[in-house]
Structure formats: structure tokens, C-alpha cells
């Protein structure tokens, strides 16, 4: 299993909040997160977020993977 396996959408949202993102609203089954002067993120609220999607959102947010993993675990 990879480092990003078994991370739920809720856990990912909580971790992004620790980096200053706010849960703006929910659209369907996706949480929309916003932070001033940063790109808006859309995180699916599934039991497990696809690892490649999660890595892409982390990169888009400008967060290192290691820092994100420390906050999500």
C-alpha cells in the first residue's frame, strides 16, 4: 500500500483545514475548500480518496506531501 492509501475525504478536509483552508461549501459529494490567495480545492467526500487525486490537490495547495501526511495521520 502507498502512503496515500486509505485516506478518507473527511480526513483530507481536516488536514487541509490545519493549513488554513476553510470548508466553503459542499457541492454534491465534494467539499469545496478555499484559502485567500490560494487555489480552490475540491475534495471528494468518499471513504477513500484516490491517491493520485489527493497528491494533485496537495501539490496544487503548495503543501509538501510529508507535512500533509503528518497532519492526516
C-alpha atoms as a PDB file:
ATOM      1  CA  UNK A   1       0.000   0.000   0.000  1.00  0.00           C
ATOM      2  CA  UNK A   2       1.131   3.504  -0.796  1.00  0.00           C
ATOM      3  CA  UNK A   3       1.453   6.329   1.666  1.00  0.00           C
ATOM      4  CA  UNK A   4      -1.766   7.909   0.392  1.00  0.00           C
ATOM      5  CA  UNK A   5      -3.922   4.780   0.513  1.00  0.00           C
ATOM      6  CA  UNK A   6      -6.914   4.660   2.874  1.00  0.00           C
ATOM      7  CA  UNK A   7      -7.243   8.418   3.437  1.00  0.00           C
ATOM      8  CA  UNK A   8     -10.896   9.407   3.636  1.00  0.00           C
ATOM      9  CA  UNK A   9     -12.318  12.623   2.264  1.00  0.00           C
ATOM     10  CA  UNK A  10     -13.194  13.793   5.783  1.00  0.00           C
ATOM     11  CA  UNK A  11      -9.625  13.190   6.985  1.00  0.00           C
ATOM     12  CA  UNK A  12      -8.227  15.060   3.992  1.00  0.00           C
ATOM     13  CA  UNK A  13     -10.538  18.034   4.627  1.00  0.00           C
ATOM     14  CA  UNK A  14      -9.471  18.157   8.301  1.00  0.00           C
ATOM     15  CA  UNK A  15      -5.802  18.118   7.266  1.00  0.00           C
ATOM     16  CA  UNK A  16      -6.268  20.913   4.709  1.00  0.00           C
ATOM     17  CA  UNK A  17      -8.044  22.981   7.388  1.00  0.00           C
ATOM     18  CA  UNK A  18      -4.875  22.760   9.508  1.00  0.00           C
ATOM     19  CA  UNK A  19      -3.077  24.522   6.645  1.00  0.00           C
ATOM     20  CA  UNK A  20      -5.534  27.421   6.658  1.00  0.00           C
ATOM     21  CA  UNK A  21      -8.174  26.214   4.202  1.00  0.00           C
ATOM     22  CA  UNK A  22     -11.835  26.799   5.044  1.00  0.00           C
ATOM     23  CA  UNK A  23     -14.698  24.481   4.098  1.00  0.00           C
ATOM     24  CA  UNK A  24     -16.626  26.948   1.942  1.00  0.00           C
ATOM     25  CA  UNK A  25     -19.481  24.646   0.957  1.00  0.00           C
ATOM     26  CA  UNK A  26     -20.375  21.176  -0.272  1.00  0.00           C
ATOM     27  CA  UNK A  27     -21.300  20.549  -3.887  1.00  0.00           C
ATOM     28  CA  UNK A  28     -22.772  17.096  -4.378  1.00  0.00           C
ATOM     29  CA  UNK A  29     -20.345  14.774  -2.599  1.00  0.00           C
ATOM     30  CA  UNK A  30     -17.369  17.160  -2.817  1.00  0.00           C
ATOM     31  CA  UNK A  31     -16.124  19.567  -0.157  1.00  0.00           C
ATOM     32  CA  UNK A  32     -15.035  22.895  -1.621  1.00  0.00           C
ATOM     33  CA  UNK A  33     -12.127  24.392   0.318  1.00  0.00           C
ATOM     34  CA  UNK A  34     -10.910  27.958  -0.042  1.00  0.00           C
ATOM     35  CA  UNK A  35      -7.973  29.958   1.228  1.00  0.00           C
ATOM     36  CA  UNK A  36      -7.156  33.558   0.397  1.00  0.00           C
ATOM     37  CA  UNK A  37      -4.559  33.904  -2.384  1.00  0.00           C
ATOM     38  CA  UNK A  38      -4.576  30.121  -2.961  1.00  0.00           C
ATOM     39  CA  UNK A  39      -6.365  27.897  -5.456  1.00  0.00           C
ATOM     40  CA  UNK A  40      -9.776  26.494  -4.525  1.00  0.00           C
ATOM     41  CA  UNK A  41      -9.689  22.752  -3.801  1.00  0.00           C
ATOM     42  CA  UNK A  42     -12.419  20.182  -4.402  1.00  0.00           C
ATOM     43  CA  UNK A  43     -12.126  17.065  -2.226  1.00  0.00           C
ATOM     44  CA  UNK A  44     -14.482  14.109  -2.767  1.00  0.00           C
ATOM     45  CA  UNK A  45     -16.118  13.015   0.486  1.00  0.00           C
ATOM     46  CA  UNK A  46     -15.589   9.308  -0.161  1.00  0.00           C
ATOM     47  CA  UNK A  47     -14.434   6.584   2.228  1.00  0.00           C
ATOM     48  CA  UNK A  48     -11.121   6.616   0.364  1.00  0.00           C
ATOM     49  CA  UNK A  49      -9.848   9.407  -1.888  1.00  0.00           C
ATOM     50  CA  UNK A  50      -7.894   8.256  -4.946  1.00  0.00           C
ATOM     51  CA  UNK A  51      -4.188   8.668  -4.090  1.00  0.00           C
ATOM     52  CA  UNK A  52      -3.321  10.408  -7.383  1.00  0.00           C
ATOM     53  CA  UNK A  53      -6.144  12.936  -6.883  1.00  0.00           C
ATOM     54  CA  UNK A  54      -5.037  13.630  -3.320  1.00  0.00           C
ATOM     55  CA  UNK A  55      -1.402  14.134  -4.376  1.00  0.00           C
ATOM     56  CA  UNK A  56      -2.544  16.549  -7.108  1.00  0.00           C
ATOM     57  CA  UNK A  57      -4.588  18.617  -4.631  1.00  0.00           C
ATOM     58  CA  UNK A  58      -1.689  18.704  -2.149  1.00  0.00           C
ATOM     59  CA  UNK A  59       0.644  19.929  -4.903  1.00  0.00           C
ATOM     60  CA  UNK A  60      -1.943  22.497  -6.020  1.00  0.00           C
ATOM     61  CA  UNK A  61      -2.174  23.789  -2.438  1.00  0.00           C
ATOM     62  CA  UNK A  62       1.621  24.151  -2.265  1.00  0.00           C
ATOM     63  CA  UNK A  63       1.960  21.772   0.692  1.00  0.00           C
ATOM     64  CA  UNK A  64       4.696  19.153   0.953  1.00  0.00           C
ATOM     65  CA  UNK A  65       3.461  15.569   0.979  1.00  0.00           C
ATOM     66  CA  UNK A  66       5.351  14.845   4.194  1.00  0.00           C
ATOM     67  CA  UNK A  67       3.734  17.757   6.065  1.00  0.00           C
ATOM     68  CA  UNK A  68       0.291  16.741   4.826  1.00  0.00           C
ATOM     69  CA  UNK A  69       0.780  13.120   5.899  1.00  0.00           C
ATOM     70  CA  UNK A  70       1.846  14.232   9.401  1.00  0.00           C
ATOM     71  CA  UNK A  71      -1.423  16.172   9.762  1.00  0.00           C
ATOM     72  CA  UNK A  72      -3.695  13.495   8.321  1.00  0.00           C
ATOM     73  CA  UNK A  73      -2.432  10.564  10.426  1.00  0.00           C
END
